[in-house]
Amino acid sequence: MELDAQDIMAAYDAHLSKLTRDLMLARATITALQARVSDLENTQATTDREAE
Protein backbone atom coordinates (compact mmCIF):
# COMPACT_ATOMS: atom_id res chain seq x y z
CA MET A 1 0.00 0.00 0.00
CA GLU A 2 1.39 3.31 -1.03
CA LEU A 3 0.72 6.35 1.10
CA ASP A 4 0.28 9.73 -0.44
CA ALA A 5 0.83 13.08 1.24
CA GLN A 6 -2.84 13.34 2.24
CA ASP A 7 -2.73 9.96 4.01
CA ILE A 8 0.46 10.91 5.81
CA MET A 9 -0.99 14.25 6.93
CA ALA A 10 -4.20 12.56 8.14
CA ALA A 11 -2.17 10.07 10.19
CA TYR A 12 0.00 12.89 11.55
CA ASP A 13 -3.07 14.95 12.50
CA ALA A 14 -4.66 11.98 14.26
CA HIS A 15 -1.46 11.28 16.18
CA LEU A 16 -1.06 14.94 17.11
CA SER A 17 -4.66 15.04 18.36
CA LYS A 18 -4.02 12.00 20.57
CA LEU A 19 -0.83 13.53 21.95
CA THR A 20 -2.69 16.77 22.67
CA ARG A 21 -5.43 14.88 24.55
CA ASP A 22 -2.79 12.94 26.50
CA LEU A 23 -1.02 16.18 27.40
CA MET A 24 -4.26 17.79 28.58
CA LEU A 25 -5.01 14.71 30.72
CA ALA A 26 -1.50 14.80 32.18
CA ARG A 27 -1.86 18.51 33.01
CA ALA A 28 -5.23 17.90 34.68
CA THR A 29 -3.73 15.03 36.68
CA ILE A 30 -0.80 17.18 37.81
CA THR A 31 -3.16 19.98 38.83
CA ALA A 32 -5.32 17.55 40.82
CA LEU A 33 -2.24 16.08 42.52
CA GLN A 34 -0.94 19.54 43.39
CA ALA A 35 -4.29 20.41 44.96
CA ARG A 36 -4.25 17.16 46.96
CA VAL A 37 -0.70 17.80 48.20
CA SER A 38 -1.74 21.30 49.23
CA ASP A 39 -4.72 19.88 51.14
CA LEU A 40 -2.49 17.35 52.89
CA GLU A 41 0.05 20.04 53.79
CA ASN A 42 -2.73 22.19 55.25
CA THR A 43 -4.08 19.24 57.22
CA GLN A 44 -0.59 18.48 58.55
CA ALA A 45 -0.07 22.12 59.54
CA THR A 46 -3.40 22.14 61.38
CA THR A 47 -2.55 18.87 63.13
CA ASP A 48 0.86 20.23 64.13
CA ARG A 49 -0.69 23.41 65.58
CA GLU A 50 -3.28 21.42 67.52
CA ALA A 51 -0.57 19.16 68.94
CA GLU A 52 1.32 22.11 70.43
PDB file of N, CA and C in Angstrom:
ATOM      1  N   MET A   1       0.845  -1.185   0.000  1.00  0.00           N
ATOM      2  CA  MET A   1       0.000   0.000   0.000  1.00  0.00           C
ATOM      3  C   MET A   1       0.886   1.242   0.000  1.00  0.00           C
ATOM      4  N   GLU A   2       0.597   2.100  -0.910  1.00  0.00           N
ATOM      5  CA  GLU A   2       1.391   3.312  -1.033  1.00  0.00           C
ATOM      6  C   GLU A   2       0.639   4.465  -0.384  1.00  0.00           C
ATOM      7  N   LEU A   3       1.332   5.204   0.441  1.00  0.00           N
ATOM      8  CA  LEU A   3       0.719   6.354   1.105  1.00  0.00           C
ATOM      9  C   LEU A   3       1.033   7.619   0.336  1.00  0.00           C
ATOM     10  N   ASP A   4       0.021   8.438   0.176  1.00  0.00           N
ATOM     11  CA  ASP A   4       0.281   9.730  -0.442  1.00  0.00           C
ATOM     12  C   ASP A   4       0.355  10.789   0.655  1.00  0.00           C
ATOM     13  N   ALA A   5       0.644  11.999   0.270  1.00  0.00           N
ATOM     14  CA  ALA A   5       0.829  13.084   1.241  1.00  0.00           C
ATOM     15  C   ALA A   5      -0.424  13.292   2.090  1.00  0.00           C
ATOM     16  N   GLN A   6      -1.582  13.142   1.494  1.00  0.00           N
ATOM     17  CA  GLN A   6      -2.839  13.342   2.238  1.00  0.00           C
ATOM     18  C   GLN A   6      -2.992  12.277   3.330  1.00  0.00           C
ATOM     19  N   ASP A   7      -2.660  11.037   3.011  1.00  0.00           N
ATOM     20  CA  ASP A   7      -2.728   9.959   4.014  1.00  0.00           C
ATOM     21  C   ASP A   7      -1.752  10.213   5.154  1.00  0.00           C
ATOM     22  N   ILE A   8      -0.565  10.643   4.793  1.00  0.00           N
ATOM     23  CA  ILE A   8       0.458  10.914   5.812  1.00  0.00           C
ATOM     24  C   ILE A   8       0.014  12.058   6.710  1.00  0.00           C
ATOM     25  N   MET A   9      -0.528  13.113   6.127  1.00  0.00           N
ATOM     26  CA  MET A   9      -0.986  14.251   6.929  1.00  0.00           C
ATOM     27  C   MET A   9      -2.166  13.858   7.825  1.00  0.00           C
ATOM     28  N   ALA A  10      -3.062  13.008   7.335  1.00  0.00           N
ATOM     29  CA  ALA A  10      -4.195  12.556   8.144  1.00  0.00           C
ATOM     30  C   ALA A  10      -3.698  11.739   9.334  1.00  0.00           C
ATOM     31  N   ALA A  11      -2.731  10.869   9.092  1.00  0.00           N
ATOM     32  CA  ALA A  11      -2.169  10.071  10.185  1.00  0.00           C
ATOM     33  C   ALA A  11      -1.449  10.975  11.188  1.00  0.00           C
ATOM     34  N   TYR A  12      -0.708  11.942  10.686  1.00  0.00           N
ATOM     35  CA  TYR A  12       0.004  12.893  11.549  1.00  0.00           C
ATOM     36  C   TYR A  12      -0.993  13.681  12.403  1.00  0.00           C
ATOM     37  N   ASP A  13      -2.052  14.193  11.770  1.00  0.00           N
ATOM     38  CA  ASP A  13      -3.066  14.955  12.499  1.00  0.00           C
ATOM     39  C   ASP A  13      -3.737  14.116  13.576  1.00  0.00           C
ATOM     40  N   ALA A  14      -4.036  12.863  13.276  1.00  0.00           N
ATOM     41  CA  ALA A  14      -4.661  11.981  14.261  1.00  0.00           C
ATOM     42  C   ALA A  14      -3.716  11.734  15.431  1.00  0.00           C
ATOM     43  N   HIS A  15      -2.449  11.506  15.129  1.00  0.00           N
ATOM     44  CA  HIS A  15      -1.463  11.276  16.184  1.00  0.00           C
ATOM     45  C   HIS A  15      -1.277  12.536  17.027  1.00  0.00           C
ATOM     46  N   LEU A  16      -1.213  13.684  16.382  1.00  0.00           N
ATOM     47  CA  LEU A  16      -1.064  14.941  17.106  1.00  0.00           C
ATOM     48  C   LEU A  16      -2.272  15.198  18.004  1.00  0.00           C
ATOM     49  N   SER A  17      -3.455  14.879  17.537  1.00  0.00           N
ATOM     50  CA  SER A  17      -4.663  15.039  18.357  1.00  0.00           C
ATOM     51  C   SER A  17      -4.600  14.145  19.595  1.00  0.00           C
ATOM     52  N   LYS A  18      -4.141  12.914  19.420  1.00  0.00           N
ATOM     53  CA  LYS A  18      -4.017  12.002  20.566  1.00  0.00           C
ATOM     54  C   LYS A  18      -2.989  12.524  21.555  1.00  0.00           C
ATOM     55  N   LEU A  19      -1.856  12.989  21.058  1.00  0.00           N
ATOM     56  CA  LEU A  19      -0.834  13.532  21.951  1.00  0.00           C
ATOM     57  C   LEU A  19      -1.351  14.750  22.703  1.00  0.00           C
ATOM     58  N   THR A  20      -2.119  15.585  22.032  1.00  0.00           N
ATOM     59  CA  THR A  20      -2.691  16.770  22.666  1.00  0.00           C
ATOM     60  C   THR A  20      -3.657  16.365  23.778  1.00  0.00           C
ATOM     61  N   ARG A  21      -4.501  15.372  23.511  1.00  0.00           N
ATOM     62  CA  ARG A  21      -5.427  14.885  24.550  1.00  0.00           C
ATOM     63  C   ARG A  21      -4.656  14.305  25.733  1.00  0.00           C
ATOM     64  N   ASP A  22      -3.614  13.532  25.427  1.00  0.00           N
ATOM     65  CA  ASP A  22      -2.795  12.944  26.497  1.00  0.00           C
ATOM     66  C   ASP A  22      -2.134  14.029  27.336  1.00  0.00           C
ATOM     67  N   LEU A  23      -1.645  15.072  26.683  1.00  0.00           N
ATOM     68  CA  LEU A  23      -1.021  16.177  27.400  1.00  0.00           C
ATOM     69  C   LEU A  23      -2.032  16.902  28.288  1.00  0.00           C
ATOM     70  N   MET A  24      -3.219  17.119  27.779  1.00  0.00           N
ATOM     71  CA  MET A  24      -4.258  17.785  28.575  1.00  0.00           C
ATOM     72  C   MET A  24      -4.629  16.935  29.793  1.00  0.00           C
ATOM     73  N   LEU A  25      -4.719  15.615  29.601  1.00  0.00           N
ATOM     74  CA  LEU A  25      -5.012  14.713  30.718  1.00  0.00           C
ATOM     75  C   LEU A  25      -3.883  14.755  31.741  1.00  0.00           C
ATOM     76  N   ALA A  26      -2.649  14.748  31.271  1.00  0.00           N
ATOM     77  CA  ALA A  26      -1.502  14.803  32.181  1.00  0.00           C
ATOM     78  C   ALA A  26      -1.514  16.113  32.975  1.00  0.00           C
ATOM     79  N   ARG A  27      -1.802  17.215  32.315  1.00  0.00           N
ATOM     80  CA  ARG A  27      -1.864  18.511  33.013  1.00  0.00           C
ATOM     81  C   ARG A  27      -2.965  18.515  34.073  1.00  0.00           C
ATOM     82  N   ALA A  28      -4.122  17.962  33.723  1.00  0.00           N
ATOM     83  CA  ALA A  28      -5.228  17.899  34.679  1.00  0.00           C
ATOM     84  C   ALA A  28      -4.855  17.017  35.867  1.00  0.00           C
ATOM     85  N   THR A  29      -4.167  15.925  35.603  1.00  0.00           N
ATOM     86  CA  THR A  29      -3.728  15.033  36.678  1.00  0.00           C
ATOM     87  C   THR A  29      -2.737  15.739  37.591  1.00  0.00           C
ATOM     88  N   ILE A  30      -1.790  16.440  37.015  1.00  0.00           N
ATOM     89  CA  ILE A  30      -0.800  17.183  37.808  1.00  0.00           C
ATOM     90  C   ILE A  30      -1.492  18.233  38.659  1.00  0.00           C
ATOM     91  N   THR A  31      -2.432  18.958  38.088  1.00  0.00           N
ATOM     92  CA  THR A  31      -3.159  19.983  38.834  1.00  0.00           C
ATOM     93  C   THR A  31      -3.924  19.360  40.001  1.00  0.00           C
ATOM     94  N   ALA A  32      -4.572  18.229  39.759  1.00  0.00           N
ATOM     95  CA  ALA A  32      -5.318  17.550  40.824  1.00  0.00           C
ATOM     96  C   ALA A  32      -4.368  17.069  41.919  1.00  0.00           C
ATOM     97  N   LEU A  33      -3.219  16.537  41.532  1.00  0.00           N
ATOM     98  CA  LEU A  33      -2.243  16.077  42.521  1.00  0.00           C
ATOM     99  C   LEU A  33      -1.680  17.239  43.331  1.00  0.00           C
ATOM    100  N   GLN A  34      -1.433  18.368  42.676  1.00  0.00           N
ATOM    101  CA  GLN A  34      -0.941  19.543  43.391  1.00  0.00           C
ATOM    102  C   GLN A  34      -1.965  20.020  44.418  1.00  0.00           C
ATOM    103  N   ALA A  35      -3.230  20.006  44.040  1.00  0.00           N
ATOM    104  CA  ALA A  35      -4.289  20.408  44.965  1.00  0.00           C
ATOM    105  C   ALA A  35      -4.353  19.446  46.148  1.00  0.00           C
ATOM    106  N   ARG A  36      -4.209  18.159  45.879  1.00  0.00           N
ATOM    107  CA  ARG A  36      -4.250  17.156  46.959  1.00  0.00           C
ATOM    108  C   ARG A  36      -3.069  17.326  47.901  1.00  0.00           C
ATOM    109  N   VAL A  37      -1.876  17.571  47.361  1.00  0.00           N
ATOM    110  CA  VAL A  37      -0.698  17.802  48.195  1.00  0.00           C
ATOM    111  C   VAL A  37      -0.910  19.042  49.058  1.00  0.00           C
ATOM    112  N   SER A  38      -1.462  20.084  48.470  1.00  0.00           N
ATOM    113  CA  SER A  38      -1.737  21.302  49.235  1.00  0.00           C
ATOM    114  C   SER A  38      -2.712  21.017  50.380  1.00  0.00           C
ATOM    115  N   ASP A  39      -3.761  20.255  50.094  1.00  0.00           N
ATOM    116  CA  ASP A  39      -4.723  19.885  51.144  1.00  0.00           C
ATOM    117  C   ASP A  39      -4.039  19.093  52.256  1.00  0.00           C
ATOM    118  N   LEU A  40      -3.192  18.158  51.883  1.00  0.00           N
ATOM    119  CA  LEU A  40      -2.488  17.346  52.885  1.00  0.00           C
ATOM    120  C   LEU A  40      -1.530  18.200  53.709  1.00  0.00           C
ATOM    121  N   GLU A  41      -0.855  19.146  53.058  1.00  0.00           N
ATOM    122  CA  GLU A  41       0.046  20.040  53.791  1.00  0.00           C
ATOM    123  C   GLU A  41      -0.740  20.908  54.776  1.00  0.00           C
ATOM    124  N   ASN A  42      -1.896  21.385  54.358  1.00  0.00           N
ATOM    125  CA  ASN A  42      -2.729  22.192  55.252  1.00  0.00           C
ATOM    126  C   ASN A  42      -3.236  21.362  56.427  1.00  0.00           C
ATOM    127  N   THR A  43      -3.632  20.134  56.155  1.00  0.00           N
ATOM    128  CA  THR A  43      -4.084  19.239  57.224  1.00  0.00           C
ATOM    129  C   THR A  43      -2.951  18.977  58.213  1.00  0.00           C
ATOM    130  N   GLN A  44      -1.751  18.742  57.684  1.00  0.00           N
ATOM    131  CA  GLN A  44      -0.592  18.485  58.548  1.00  0.00           C
ATOM    132  C   GLN A  44      -0.281  19.707  59.400  1.00  0.00           C
ATOM    133  N   ALA A  45      -0.345  20.897  58.795  1.00  0.00           N
ATOM    134  CA  ALA A  45      -0.069  22.120  59.537  1.00  0.00           C
ATOM    135  C   ALA A  45      -1.091  22.318  60.650  1.00  0.00           C
ATOM    136  N   THR A  46      -2.349  22.023  60.363  1.00  0.00           N
ATOM    137  CA  THR A  46      -3.397  22.137  61.384  1.00  0.00           C
ATOM    138  C   THR A  46      -3.152  21.135  62.506  1.00  0.00           C
ATOM    139  N   THR A  47      -2.824  19.904  62.141  1.00  0.00           N
ATOM    140  CA  THR A  47      -2.546  18.871  63.128  1.00  0.00           C
ATOM    141  C   THR A  47      -1.355  19.263  64.001  1.00  0.00           C
ATOM    142  N   ASP A  48      -0.326  19.805  63.377  1.00  0.00           N
ATOM    143  CA  ASP A  48       0.859  20.228  64.131  1.00  0.00           C
ATOM    144  C   ASP A  48       0.519  21.338  65.120  1.00  0.00           C
ATOM    145  N   ARG A  49      -0.296  22.309  64.679  1.00  0.00           N
ATOM    146  CA  ARG A  49      -0.687  23.411  65.579  1.00  0.00           C
ATOM    147  C   ARG A  49      -1.529  22.892  66.746  1.00  0.00           C
ATOM    148  N   GLU A  50      -2.426  21.962  66.463  1.00  0.00           N
ATOM    149  CA  GLU A  50      -3.285  21.417  67.518  1.00  0.00           C
ATOM    150  C   GLU A  50      -2.485  20.578  68.507  1.00  0.00           C
ATOM    151  N   ALA A  51      -1.387  19.999  68.063  1.00  0.00           N
ATOM    152  CA  ALA A  51      -0.567  19.163  68.936  1.00  0.00           C
ATOM    153  C   ALA A  51       0.282  20.000  69.892  1.00  0.00           C
ATOM    154  N   GLU A  52       0.467  21.253  69.565  1.00  0.00           N
ATOM    155  CA  GLU A  52       1.318  22.106  70.426  1.00  0.00           C
ATOM    156  C   GLU A  52       0.643  22.500  71.715  1.00  0.00           C
TER     157      GLU A  52
END
